[in-house]
């Protein structure tokens, strides 16, 4: 279990998939994601069974410390050795937790996990240009916007631009915000 100031992680379990499906199928949440939409519990269970033993993935459920409420999910995927990099994702599904630092805390925990536990050198992710909440989080946490991927993704019936964002180990080591955990 990994703990921050507001949230902690548990390993992704089959019991949490029903809530995950609910969040993925929510149109407000889906507007900032690129998940297969709509999805079903049966399809998500097949995805879970296929991926649970994949060593290139580490996936978690996000819970509040103050109420032990399951509020989202996150992970590092496409973990590459020997370059030691992984793609980051995080979703706060419970809308009442969209502000208040819960996403920021989850980003910090997962970033620390990637560098400390997995020995990664680079963690990166993709953010839709209109996902302003995610942009604020990475700016607070010292991530860099590496570039704009123009017309990079077809989602929700349209082509979208995305930002490529990242943090590398040498930058992470210099940032006090990650040492607060």
C-alpha atoms as a PDB file:
ATOM      1  CA  UNK A   1       0.000   0.000   0.000  1.00  0.00           C
ATOM      2  CA  UNK A   2       1.265   3.477  -0.912  1.00  0.00           C
ATOM      3  CA  UNK A   3       0.104   6.481   1.082  1.00  0.00           C
ATOM      4  CA  UNK A   4       0.133  10.233   0.562  1.00  0.00           C
ATOM      5  CA  UNK A   5      -1.486  13.045   2.533  1.00  0.00           C
ATOM      6  CA  UNK A   6      -4.982  12.628   1.058  1.00  0.00           C
ATOM      7  CA  UNK A   7      -5.043   9.287  -0.759  1.00  0.00           C
ATOM      8  CA  UNK A   8      -3.555   5.828  -0.683  1.00  0.00           C
ATOM      9  CA  UNK A   9      -3.327   3.069  -3.272  1.00  0.00           C
ATOM     10  CA  UNK A  10      -4.333  -0.560  -3.270  1.00  0.00           C
ATOM     11  CA  UNK A  11      -3.473  -2.981  -6.026  1.00  0.00           C
ATOM     12  CA  UNK A  12      -6.153  -3.160  -8.709  1.00  0.00           C
ATOM     13  CA  UNK A  13      -8.594  -5.943  -7.864  1.00  0.00           C
ATOM     14  CA  UNK A  14     -11.496  -7.486  -9.743  1.00  0.00           C
ATOM     15  CA  UNK A  15     -13.941  -6.210  -7.102  1.00  0.00           C
ATOM     16  CA  UNK A  16     -13.194  -2.607  -8.128  1.00  0.00           C
ATOM     17  CA  UNK A  17     -13.963  -3.106 -11.798  1.00  0.00           C
ATOM     18  CA  UNK A  18     -17.669  -2.301 -11.552  1.00  0.00           C
ATOM     19  CA  UNK A  19     -16.884   1.209 -10.282  1.00  0.00           C
ATOM     20  CA  UNK A  20     -14.148   1.605 -12.923  1.00  0.00           C
ATOM     21  CA  UNK A  21     -16.684   0.807 -15.664  1.00  0.00           C
ATOM     22  CA  UNK A  22     -19.123   3.339 -14.180  1.00  0.00           C
ATOM     23  CA  UNK A  23     -16.453   6.055 -14.284  1.00  0.00           C
ATOM     24  CA  UNK A  24     -15.245   5.202 -17.791  1.00  0.00           C
ATOM     25  CA  UNK A  25     -18.841   5.351 -19.038  1.00  0.00           C
ATOM     26  CA  UNK A  26     -19.536   8.743 -17.412  1.00  0.00           C
ATOM     27  CA  UNK A  27     -19.599  11.372 -20.187  1.00  0.00           C
ATOM     28  CA  UNK A  28     -18.007  14.113 -18.019  1.00  0.00           C
ATOM     29  CA  UNK A  29     -15.095  11.870 -17.087  1.00  0.00           C
ATOM     30  CA  UNK A  30     -14.808  10.361 -20.551  1.00  0.00           C
ATOM     31  CA  UNK A  31     -14.382  13.842 -22.055  1.00  0.00           C
ATOM     32  CA  UNK A  32     -10.761  13.884 -20.804  1.00  0.00           C
ATOM     33  CA  UNK A  33      -9.969  10.211 -21.398  1.00  0.00           C
ATOM     34  CA  UNK A  34      -9.306   7.971 -24.329  1.00  0.00           C
ATOM     35  CA  UNK A  35     -10.801   4.705 -23.144  1.00  0.00           C
ATOM     36  CA  UNK A  36     -12.917   2.403 -25.244  1.00  0.00           C
ATOM     37  CA  UNK A  37     -16.335   3.920 -24.687  1.00  0.00           C
ATOM     38  CA  UNK A  38     -18.838   2.750 -23.742  1.00  0.00           C
ATOM     39  CA  UNK A  39     -17.477  -0.326 -22.051  1.00  0.00           C
ATOM     40  CA  UNK A  40     -19.086  -3.171 -20.157  1.00  0.00           C
ATOM     41  CA  UNK A  41     -18.212  -5.028 -16.994  1.00  0.00           C
ATOM     42  CA  UNK A  42     -17.744  -8.243 -18.992  1.00  0.00           C
ATOM     43  CA  UNK A  43     -15.296  -6.568 -21.379  1.00  0.00           C
ATOM     44  CA  UNK A  44     -13.431  -4.925 -18.487  1.00  0.00           C
ATOM     45  CA  UNK A  45     -13.159  -8.256 -16.666  1.00  0.00           C
ATOM     46  CA  UNK A  46     -11.615  -9.785 -19.818  1.00  0.00           C
ATOM     47  CA  UNK A  47      -9.180  -6.841 -19.974  1.00  0.00           C
ATOM     48  CA  UNK A  48      -8.337  -7.399 -16.294  1.00  0.00           C
ATOM     49  CA  UNK A  49      -7.753 -11.146 -16.765  1.00  0.00           C
ATOM     50  CA  UNK A  50      -5.467 -10.450 -19.748  1.00  0.00           C
ATOM     51  CA  UNK A  51      -3.432  -7.717 -18.032  1.00  0.00           C
ATOM     52  CA  UNK A  52      -3.214  -8.666 -14.361  1.00  0.00           C
ATOM     53  CA  UNK A  53       0.000 -10.677 -14.803  1.00  0.00           C
ATOM     54  CA  UNK A  54       1.580  -8.325 -17.360  1.00  0.00           C
ATOM     55  CA  UNK A  55       4.946  -7.261 -15.894  1.00  0.00           C
ATOM     56  CA  UNK A  56       4.949  -4.100 -18.031  1.00  0.00           C
ATOM     57  CA  UNK A  57       2.022  -2.696 -16.013  1.00  0.00           C
ATOM     58  CA  UNK A  58       1.456  -1.592 -12.415  1.00  0.00           C
ATOM     59  CA  UNK A  59      -2.138  -0.575 -11.714  1.00  0.00           C
ATOM     60  CA  UNK A  60      -3.821   0.701  -8.579  1.00  0.00           C
ATOM     61  CA  UNK A  61      -7.110   1.809  -7.062  1.00  0.00           C
ATOM     62  CA  UNK A  62      -7.125   5.224  -5.352  1.00  0.00           C
ATOM     63  CA  UNK A  63      -8.783   5.581  -1.911  1.00  0.00           C
ATOM     64  CA  UNK A  64      -9.239   8.573   0.382  1.00  0.00           C
ATOM     65  CA  UNK A  65      -7.374   8.437   3.659  1.00  0.00           C
ATOM     66  CA  UNK A  66     -10.166  10.258   5.486  1.00  0.00           C
ATOM     67  CA  UNK A  67     -13.058   7.996   4.592  1.00  0.00           C
ATOM     68  CA  UNK A  68     -11.551   5.002   2.900  1.00  0.00           C
ATOM     69  CA  UNK A  69     -13.618   5.805  -0.201  1.00  0.00           C
ATOM     70  CA  UNK A  70     -12.642   4.367  -3.590  1.00  0.00           C
ATOM     71  CA  UNK A  71     -12.360   7.474  -5.796  1.00  0.00           C
ATOM     72  CA  UNK A  72     -10.269   6.553  -8.840  1.00  0.00           C
ATOM     73  CA  UNK A  73      -7.600   4.487 -10.494  1.00  0.00           C
ATOM     74  CA  UNK A  74      -4.109   4.984 -11.849  1.00  0.00           C
ATOM     75  CA  UNK A  75      -1.078   3.162 -13.117  1.00  0.00           C
ATOM     76  CA  UNK A  76       2.170   2.951 -14.957  1.00  0.00           C
ATOM     77  CA  UNK A  77       1.918   1.063 -18.230  1.00  0.00           C
ATOM     78  CA  UNK A  78       4.222   0.114 -21.067  1.00  0.00           C
ATOM     79  CA  UNK A  79       7.161  -0.152 -18.640  1.00  0.00           C
ATOM     80  CA  UNK A  80      10.285  -0.424 -20.772  1.00  0.00           C
ATOM     81  CA  UNK A  81      13.575  -1.944 -19.694  1.00  0.00           C
ATOM     82  CA  UNK A  82      16.493  -1.082 -20.250  1.00  0.00           C
ATOM     83  CA  UNK A  83      15.517   2.554 -20.944  1.00  0.00           C
ATOM     84  CA  UNK A  84      13.529   2.491 -17.691  1.00  0.00           C
ATOM     85  CA  UNK A  85      10.513   4.496 -18.721  1.00  0.00           C
ATOM     86  CA  UNK A  86       6.764   4.102 -18.332  1.00  0.00           C
ATOM     87  CA  UNK A  87       3.561   5.818 -19.336  1.00  0.00           C
ATOM     88  CA  UNK A  88       1.542   7.370 -16.507  1.00  0.00           C
ATOM     89  CA  UNK A  89      -2.235   7.617 -16.188  1.00  0.00           C
ATOM     90  CA  UNK A  90      -4.581   8.668 -13.385  1.00  0.00           C
ATOM     91  CA  UNK A  91      -8.347   9.091 -13.163  1.00  0.00           C
ATOM     92  CA  UNK A  92     -10.274  10.573 -10.256  1.00  0.00           C
ATOM     93  CA  UNK A  93     -13.715   9.154 -10.932  1.00  0.00           C
ATOM     94  CA  UNK A  94     -15.645  10.547  -7.996  1.00  0.00           C
ATOM     95  CA  UNK A  95     -16.451  14.087  -9.130  1.00  0.00           C
ATOM     96  CA  UNK A  96     -16.736  15.439  -5.583  1.00  0.00           C
ATOM     97  CA  UNK A  97     -12.954  14.849  -5.337  1.00  0.00           C
ATOM     98  CA  UNK A  98     -12.017  16.718  -8.516  1.00  0.00           C
ATOM     99  CA  UNK A  99     -10.629  19.549  -6.437  1.00  0.00           C
ATOM    100  CA  UNK A 100      -8.921  19.573  -3.097  1.00  0.00           C
ATOM    101  CA  UNK A 101      -5.603  18.043  -4.125  1.00  0.00           C
ATOM    102  CA  UNK A 102      -6.614  14.380  -4.454  1.00  0.00           C
ATOM    103  CA  UNK A 103      -5.352  14.083  -8.031  1.00  0.00           C
ATOM    104  CA  UNK A 104      -2.161  15.931  -7.162  1.00  0.00           C
ATOM    105  CA  UNK A 105      -1.529  13.555  -4.276  1.00  0.00           C
ATOM    106  CA  UNK A 106      -2.131  10.541  -6.536  1.00  0.00           C
ATOM    107  CA  UNK A 107       0.321  11.938  -9.103  1.00  0.00           C
ATOM    108  CA  UNK A 108       2.960  12.376  -6.383  1.00  0.00           C
ATOM    109  CA  UNK A 109       2.533   8.863  -4.993  1.00  0.00           C
ATOM    110  CA  UNK A 110       2.647   7.223  -8.416  1.00  0.00           C
ATOM    111  CA  UNK A 111       5.619   9.310  -9.548  1.00  0.00           C
ATOM    112  CA  UNK A 112       7.536   8.430  -6.366  1.00  0.00           C
ATOM    113  CA  UNK A 113       6.629   4.768  -6.821  1.00  0.00           C
ATOM    114  CA  UNK A 114       7.934   4.789 -10.393  1.00  0.00           C
ATOM    115  CA  UNK A 115      11.264   6.338  -9.472  1.00  0.00           C
ATOM    116  CA  UNK A 116      11.841   4.752  -6.043  1.00  0.00           C
ATOM    117  CA  UNK A 117      10.365   1.274  -6.416  1.00  0.00           C
ATOM    118  CA  UNK A 118      10.687   0.567 -10.129  1.00  0.00           C
ATOM    119  CA  UNK A 119      13.922   2.466 -10.687  1.00  0.00           C
ATOM    120  CA  UNK A 120      12.509   4.352 -13.670  1.00  0.00           C
ATOM    121  CA  UNK A 121      14.433   7.139 -15.339  1.00  0.00           C
ATOM    122  CA  UNK A 122      11.485   8.727 -17.175  1.00  0.00           C
ATOM    123  CA  UNK A 123       7.741   8.865 -16.591  1.00  0.00           C
ATOM    124  CA  UNK A 124       5.585  10.346 -19.329  1.00  0.00           C
ATOM    125  CA  UNK A 125       1.974  10.766 -20.250  1.00  0.00           C
ATOM    126  CA  UNK A 126      -0.431  12.251 -22.731  1.00  0.00           C
ATOM    127  CA  UNK A 127      -2.964  14.957 -21.908  1.00  0.00           C
ATOM    128  CA  UNK A 128      -5.741  16.163 -24.137  1.00  0.00           C
ATOM    129  CA  UNK A 129      -5.282  19.875 -24.779  1.00  0.00           C
ATOM    130  CA  UNK A 130      -8.631  20.671 -23.130  1.00  0.00           C
ATOM    131  CA  UNK A 131      -7.870  18.763 -19.897  1.00  0.00           C
ATOM    132  CA  UNK A 132      -7.075  21.864 -17.846  1.00  0.00           C
ATOM    133  CA  UNK A 133      -7.198  20.104 -14.485  1.00  0.00           C
ATOM    134  CA  UNK A 134      -4.447  17.698 -15.517  1.00  0.00           C
ATOM    135  CA  UNK A 135      -2.368  20.592 -16.847  1.00  0.00           C
ATOM    136  CA  UNK A 136      -2.543  22.352 -13.459  1.00  0.00           C
ATOM    137  CA  UNK A 137      -1.411  19.193 -11.653  1.00  0.00           C
ATOM    138  CA  UNK A 138       1.705  18.645 -13.758  1.00  0.00           C
ATOM    139  CA  UNK A 139       2.666  22.301 -13.517  1.00  0.00           C
ATOM    140  CA  UNK A 140       2.511  22.106  -9.688  1.00  0.00           C
ATOM    141  CA  UNK A 141       4.607  18.948  -9.655  1.00  0.00           C
ATOM    142  CA  UNK A 142       7.464  19.973 -11.921  1.00  0.00           C
ATOM    143  CA  UNK A 143       6.564  17.920 -14.975  1.00  0.00           C
ATOM    144  CA  UNK A 144       7.539  19.332 -18.369  1.00  0.00           C
ATOM    145  CA  UNK A 145       5.306  19.780 -21.375  1.00  0.00           C
ATOM    146  CA  UNK A 146       7.545  18.341 -24.095  1.00  0.00           C
ATOM    147  CA  UNK A 147       5.408  19.138 -27.052  1.00  0.00           C
ATOM    148  CA  UNK A 148       2.115  19.304 -28.835  1.00  0.00           C
ATOM    149  CA  UNK A 149       1.030  16.268 -30.824  1.00  0.00           C
ATOM    150  CA  UNK A 150      -1.221  17.843 -33.432  1.00  0.00           C
ATOM    151  CA  UNK A 151      -4.295  15.922 -34.550  1.00  0.00           C
ATOM    152  CA  UNK A 152      -2.872  12.907 -32.767  1.00  0.00           C
ATOM    153  CA  UNK A 153      -5.948  11.123 -31.474  1.00  0.00           C
ATOM    154  CA  UNK A 154      -9.390  10.245 -32.768  1.00  0.00           C
ATOM    155  CA  UNK A 155     -11.770  10.147 -29.840  1.00  0.00           C
ATOM    156  CA  UNK A 156     -15.446  10.917 -29.326  1.00  0.00           C
ATOM    157  CA  UNK A 157     -15.991  11.481 -33.043  1.00  0.00           C
ATOM    158  CA  UNK A 158     -13.265  14.108 -33.447  1.00  0.00           C
ATOM    159  CA  UNK A 159      -9.536  14.401 -33.952  1.00  0.00           C
ATOM    160  CA  UNK A 160      -7.794  15.946 -30.934  1.00  0.00           C
ATOM    161  CA  UNK A 161      -4.461  17.505 -30.126  1.00  0.00           C
ATOM    162  CA  UNK A 162      -2.548  16.112 -27.143  1.00  0.00           C
ATOM    163  CA  UNK A 163       0.392  17.238 -25.101  1.00  0.00           C
ATOM    164  CA  UNK A 164       3.266  14.910 -24.323  1.00  0.00           C
ATOM    165  CA  UNK A 165       4.342  15.542 -20.717  1.00  0.00           C
ATOM    166  CA  UNK A 166       7.091  13.995 -18.634  1.00  0.00           C
ATOM    167  CA  UNK A 167       9.349  14.095 -15.641  1.00  0.00           C
ATOM    168  CA  UNK A 168      12.817  12.556 -15.553  1.00  0.00           C
ATOM    169  CA  UNK A 169      14.652  11.196 -12.534  1.00  0.00           C
ATOM    170  CA  UNK A 170      17.268  13.984 -12.338  1.00  0.00           C
ATOM    171  CA  UNK A 171      14.504  16.642 -12.207  1.00  0.00           C
ATOM    172  CA  UNK A 172      12.424  14.629  -9.711  1.00  0.00           C
ATOM    173  CA  UNK A 173      15.434  14.271  -7.390  1.00  0.00           C
ATOM    174  CA  UNK A 174      15.736  18.079  -7.156  1.00  0.00           C
ATOM    175  CA  UNK A 175      12.082  18.741  -6.282  1.00  0.00           C
ATOM    176  CA  UNK A 176      11.232  19.046  -2.588  1.00  0.00           C
ATOM    177  CA  UNK A 177       7.522  18.481  -3.259  1.00  0.00           C
ATOM    178  CA  UNK A 178       8.183  14.751  -3.781  1.00  0.00           C
ATOM    179  CA  UNK A 179      10.094  14.428  -0.513  1.00  0.00           C
ATOM    180  CA  UNK A 180       7.021  15.447   1.511  1.00  0.00           C
ATOM    181  CA  UNK A 181       5.453  11.983   1.129  1.00  0.00           C
END
